[in-house]
Amino acid sequence: MSETTYTIGEGPATRVSLSLPEGTAEAIRARVGKREFSAFIAGAVERELRGQVLDEYLADYERRKGSVSERARQDARQIFDEVFAEEGQWPAAS
């Protein structure tokens, strides 16, 4: 039996338990409504994971090559977004 590996934002939906402060949950419901709550959370988590993947890459680059300017970091984010949007997927977070 082969096990399928999904990248960030891919795969079937799976039910998970999540605890949030009530004020945060209410703010989300007020912004997107009850029906879009899960989609909002999924999008936020995906953005965070993508940010972590990029941060890990930049940290590795800085260890190997030296410091990266803020402008270069912004450019890297834009390039990562464009490249992975073209490929249709982001790599999995480590």
N, C-alpha and C. Protein backbone atom coordinates (compact mmCIF):
# COMPACT_ATOMS: atom_id res chain seq x y z
N MET A 1 0.84 -1.17 0.00
CA MET A 1 0.00 0.00 0.00
C MET A 1 0.89 1.24 0.00
N SER A 2 0.67 2.17 -0.94
CA SER A 2 1.49 3.37 -1.00
C SER A 2 0.82 4.51 -0.26
N GLU A 3 1.63 5.25 0.45
CA GLU A 3 1.12 6.38 1.21
C GLU A 3 1.36 7.66 0.42
N THR A 4 0.31 8.43 0.17
CA THR A 4 0.42 9.67 -0.57
C THR A 4 0.92 10.78 0.34
N THR A 5 1.86 11.56 -0.15
CA THR A 5 2.37 12.71 0.59
C THR A 5 1.81 13.97 -0.05
N TYR A 6 1.24 14.83 0.75
CA TYR A 6 0.68 16.09 0.26
C TYR A 6 1.57 17.24 0.69
N THR A 7 1.59 18.30 -0.12
CA THR A 7 2.31 19.50 0.25
C THR A 7 1.32 20.50 0.84
N ILE A 8 1.82 21.63 1.28
CA ILE A 8 0.98 22.65 1.91
C ILE A 8 -0.17 23.03 0.99
N GLY A 9 -1.39 22.96 1.50
CA GLY A 9 -2.57 23.34 0.75
C GLY A 9 -3.16 22.24 -0.11
N GLU A 10 -2.58 21.04 -0.09
CA GLU A 10 -3.07 19.94 -0.92
C GLU A 10 -3.74 18.86 -0.07
N GLY A 11 -4.46 17.98 -0.74
CA GLY A 11 -5.02 16.81 -0.10
C GLY A 11 -6.46 17.01 0.34
N PRO A 12 -7.10 15.92 0.69
CA PRO A 12 -8.48 16.01 1.16
C PRO A 12 -8.54 16.68 2.52
N ALA A 13 -9.68 17.23 2.84
CA ALA A 13 -9.86 17.86 4.15
C ALA A 13 -9.84 16.78 5.23
N THR A 14 -9.27 17.12 6.34
CA THR A 14 -9.26 16.22 7.48
C THR A 14 -9.72 17.00 8.71
N ARG A 15 -10.48 16.36 9.54
CA ARG A 15 -11.03 17.01 10.73
C ARG A 15 -9.97 17.02 11.83
N VAL A 16 -9.75 18.19 12.42
CA VAL A 16 -8.84 18.32 13.55
C VAL A 16 -9.54 19.12 14.64
N SER A 17 -9.10 18.93 15.86
CA SER A 17 -9.63 19.70 16.97
C SER A 17 -8.73 20.93 17.16
N LEU A 18 -9.34 22.08 17.37
CA LEU A 18 -8.60 23.32 17.50
C LEU A 18 -9.17 24.13 18.64
N SER A 19 -8.32 24.62 19.50
CA SER A 19 -8.77 25.50 20.59
C SER A 19 -8.23 26.90 20.34
N LEU A 20 -9.12 27.88 20.41
CA LEU A 20 -8.76 29.28 20.24
C LEU A 20 -9.37 30.08 21.38
N PRO A 21 -8.75 31.21 21.72
CA PRO A 21 -9.43 32.09 22.66
C PRO A 21 -10.78 32.52 22.07
N GLU A 22 -11.80 32.63 22.91
CA GLU A 22 -13.14 32.96 22.42
C GLU A 22 -13.16 34.26 21.64
N GLY A 23 -12.42 35.25 22.11
CA GLY A 23 -12.38 36.53 21.40
C GLY A 23 -11.84 36.38 19.98
N THR A 24 -10.83 35.53 19.81
CA THR A 24 -10.27 35.29 18.48
C THR A 24 -11.29 34.59 17.60
N ALA A 25 -11.95 33.58 18.14
CA ALA A 25 -12.96 32.85 17.37
C ALA A 25 -14.10 33.78 16.96
N GLU A 26 -14.54 34.62 17.87
CA GLU A 26 -15.62 35.57 17.55
C GLU A 26 -15.18 36.56 16.48
N ALA A 27 -13.94 37.02 16.55
CA ALA A 27 -13.44 37.96 15.54
C ALA A 27 -13.40 37.30 14.16
N ILE A 28 -13.04 36.04 14.11
CA ILE A 28 -13.02 35.31 12.83
C ILE A 28 -14.45 35.17 12.30
N ARG A 29 -15.36 34.73 13.16
CA ARG A 29 -16.77 34.57 12.74
C ARG A 29 -17.33 35.89 12.25
N ALA A 30 -17.02 36.99 12.93
CA ALA A 30 -17.52 38.30 12.53
C ALA A 30 -16.96 38.72 11.18
N ARG A 31 -15.73 38.34 10.90
CA ARG A 31 -15.09 38.73 9.66
C ARG A 31 -15.54 37.87 8.48
N VAL A 32 -15.63 36.55 8.66
CA VAL A 32 -15.88 35.67 7.52
C VAL A 32 -17.17 34.87 7.62
N GLY A 33 -17.82 34.89 8.76
CA GLY A 33 -19.04 34.10 8.93
C GLY A 33 -18.73 32.70 9.39
N LYS A 34 -19.72 32.04 9.92
CA LYS A 34 -19.56 30.69 10.48
C LYS A 34 -19.18 29.66 9.42
N ARG A 35 -19.74 29.81 8.21
CA ARG A 35 -19.50 28.81 7.17
C ARG A 35 -18.09 28.84 6.60
N GLU A 36 -17.42 29.98 6.69
CA GLU A 36 -16.06 30.10 6.12
C GLU A 36 -14.97 30.03 7.19
N PHE A 37 -15.35 29.70 8.41
CA PHE A 37 -14.42 29.66 9.53
C PHE A 37 -13.24 28.72 9.24
N SER A 38 -13.52 27.50 8.84
CA SER A 38 -12.46 26.52 8.58
C SER A 38 -11.54 26.97 7.45
N ALA A 39 -12.12 27.51 6.39
CA ALA A 39 -11.31 27.98 5.26
C ALA A 39 -10.38 29.11 5.70
N PHE A 40 -10.88 30.00 6.55
CA PHE A 40 -10.07 31.09 7.06
C PHE A 40 -8.88 30.56 7.86
N ILE A 41 -9.14 29.61 8.76
CA ILE A 41 -8.08 29.02 9.58
C ILE A 41 -7.08 28.29 8.69
N ALA A 42 -7.56 27.51 7.71
CA ALA A 42 -6.67 26.78 6.81
C ALA A 42 -5.76 27.75 6.06
N GLY A 43 -6.33 28.83 5.55
CA GLY A 43 -5.53 29.82 4.83
C GLY A 43 -4.46 30.45 5.71
N ALA A 44 -4.84 30.78 6.93
CA ALA A 44 -3.89 31.40 7.86
C ALA A 44 -2.74 30.44 8.19
N VAL A 45 -3.08 29.18 8.42
CA VAL A 45 -2.06 28.18 8.75
C VAL A 45 -1.15 27.95 7.54
N GLU A 46 -1.72 27.88 6.35
CA GLU A 46 -0.90 27.70 5.14
C GLU A 46 0.06 28.87 4.95
N ARG A 47 -0.40 30.10 5.16
CA ARG A 47 0.49 31.26 5.04
C ARG A 47 1.63 31.18 6.06
N GLU A 48 1.31 30.78 7.28
CA GLU A 48 2.34 30.64 8.32
C GLU A 48 3.36 29.57 7.94
N LEU A 49 2.89 28.43 7.47
CA LEU A 49 3.81 27.36 7.08
C LEU A 49 4.70 27.80 5.92
N ARG A 50 4.12 28.47 4.94
CA ARG A 50 4.92 28.95 3.80
C ARG A 50 5.97 29.95 4.27
N GLY A 51 5.60 30.80 5.21
CA GLY A 51 6.56 31.75 5.77
C GLY A 51 7.69 31.03 6.49
N GLN A 52 7.36 29.96 7.20
CA GLN A 52 8.39 29.20 7.90
C GLN A 52 9.33 28.52 6.92
N VAL A 53 8.79 27.96 5.83
CA VAL A 53 9.63 27.33 4.81
C VAL A 53 10.61 28.35 4.24
N LEU A 54 10.12 29.52 3.91
CA LEU A 54 10.99 30.57 3.37
C LEU A 54 12.01 31.02 4.41
N ASP A 55 11.58 31.20 5.65
CA ASP A 55 12.51 31.60 6.71
C ASP A 55 13.62 30.57 6.88
N GLU A 56 13.27 29.28 6.80
CA GLU A 56 14.27 28.22 6.91
C GLU A 56 15.27 28.30 5.76
N TYR A 57 14.75 28.54 4.56
CA TYR A 57 15.63 28.67 3.40
C TYR A 57 16.58 29.85 3.58
N LEU A 58 16.03 31.02 3.98
CA LEU A 58 16.85 32.21 4.15
C LEU A 58 17.89 32.02 5.25
N ALA A 59 17.51 31.36 6.34
CA ALA A 59 18.47 31.10 7.43
C ALA A 59 19.60 30.21 6.93
N ASP A 60 19.27 29.19 6.16
CA ASP A 60 20.30 28.32 5.59
C ASP A 60 21.21 29.11 4.66
N TYR A 61 20.62 29.95 3.82
CA TYR A 61 21.40 30.77 2.89
C TYR A 61 22.35 31.67 3.67
N GLU A 62 21.85 32.31 4.72
CA GLU A 62 22.70 33.21 5.51
C GLU A 62 23.84 32.47 6.20
N ARG A 63 23.60 31.23 6.65
CA ARG A 63 24.68 30.43 7.25
C ARG A 63 25.77 30.17 6.23
N ARG A 64 25.34 29.94 4.98
CA ARG A 64 26.31 29.60 3.94
C ARG A 64 26.96 30.81 3.28
N LYS A 65 26.20 31.90 3.08
CA LYS A 65 26.68 33.01 2.25
C LYS A 65 26.80 34.34 2.98
N GLY A 66 26.19 34.46 4.13
CA GLY A 66 26.22 35.74 4.83
C GLY A 66 24.85 36.39 4.85
N SER A 67 24.79 37.53 5.49
CA SER A 67 23.52 38.19 5.76
C SER A 67 22.78 38.63 4.50
N VAL A 68 21.45 38.68 4.61
CA VAL A 68 20.56 39.06 3.52
C VAL A 68 19.83 40.34 3.92
N SER A 69 19.78 41.31 3.01
CA SER A 69 19.10 42.58 3.31
C SER A 69 17.59 42.38 3.36
N GLU A 70 16.90 43.34 3.96
CA GLU A 70 15.43 43.27 4.02
C GLU A 70 14.85 43.30 2.61
N ARG A 71 15.43 44.09 1.74
CA ARG A 71 14.95 44.15 0.34
C ARG A 71 15.09 42.79 -0.33
N ALA A 72 16.23 42.12 -0.10
CA ALA A 72 16.44 40.79 -0.68
C ALA A 72 15.44 39.78 -0.10
N ARG A 73 15.09 39.91 1.18
CA ARG A 73 14.08 39.04 1.79
C ARG A 73 12.72 39.23 1.12
N GLN A 74 12.35 40.49 0.89
CA GLN A 74 11.08 40.78 0.22
C GLN A 74 11.08 40.22 -1.20
N ASP A 75 12.19 40.39 -1.90
CA ASP A 75 12.30 39.85 -3.25
C ASP A 75 12.18 38.32 -3.23
N ALA A 76 12.83 37.70 -2.25
CA ALA A 76 12.77 36.23 -2.14
C ALA A 76 11.34 35.76 -1.92
N ARG A 77 10.59 36.46 -1.05
CA ARG A 77 9.19 36.09 -0.82
C ARG A 77 8.39 36.17 -2.12
N GLN A 78 8.59 37.23 -2.87
CA GLN A 78 7.87 37.39 -4.12
C GLN A 78 8.25 36.29 -5.12
N ILE A 79 9.54 36.00 -5.21
CA ILE A 79 10.00 34.96 -6.13
C ILE A 79 9.45 33.60 -5.73
N PHE A 80 9.52 33.27 -4.43
CA PHE A 80 8.98 32.00 -3.96
C PHE A 80 7.50 31.89 -4.31
N ASP A 81 6.74 32.95 -4.05
CA ASP A 81 5.31 32.93 -4.35
C ASP A 81 5.06 32.69 -5.84
N GLU A 82 5.82 33.38 -6.69
CA GLU A 82 5.63 33.23 -8.13
C GLU A 82 6.02 31.83 -8.62
N VAL A 83 7.16 31.34 -8.16
CA VAL A 83 7.64 30.02 -8.60
C VAL A 83 6.68 28.92 -8.17
N PHE A 84 6.30 28.94 -6.90
CA PHE A 84 5.44 27.87 -6.41
C PHE A 84 4.02 28.01 -6.91
N ALA A 85 3.57 29.21 -7.23
CA ALA A 85 2.25 29.39 -7.85
C ALA A 85 2.26 28.78 -9.24
N GLU A 86 3.35 28.95 -9.99
CA GLU A 86 3.46 28.36 -11.33
C GLU A 86 3.46 26.84 -11.24
N GLU A 87 4.16 26.30 -10.26
CA GLU A 87 4.23 24.85 -10.10
C GLU A 87 2.95 24.30 -9.48
N GLY A 88 2.16 25.18 -8.90
CA GLY A 88 0.90 24.74 -8.30
C GLY A 88 1.03 24.19 -6.90
N GLN A 89 2.22 24.30 -6.31
CA GLN A 89 2.36 23.77 -4.95
C GLN A 89 3.55 24.38 -4.24
N TRP A 90 3.46 24.42 -2.94
CA TRP A 90 4.58 24.80 -2.08
C TRP A 90 5.14 23.53 -1.49
N PRO A 91 6.43 23.49 -1.20
CA PRO A 91 6.98 22.29 -0.55
C PRO A 91 6.45 22.15 0.86
N ALA A 92 6.56 20.97 1.40
CA ALA A 92 6.12 20.75 2.78
C ALA A 92 7.07 21.43 3.74
N ALA A 93 6.55 21.88 4.85
CA ALA A 93 7.40 22.47 5.89
C ALA A 93 8.14 21.36 6.60
N SER A 94 9.38 21.64 6.97
CA SER A 94 10.15 20.59 7.67
C SER A 94 9.94 20.67 9.16
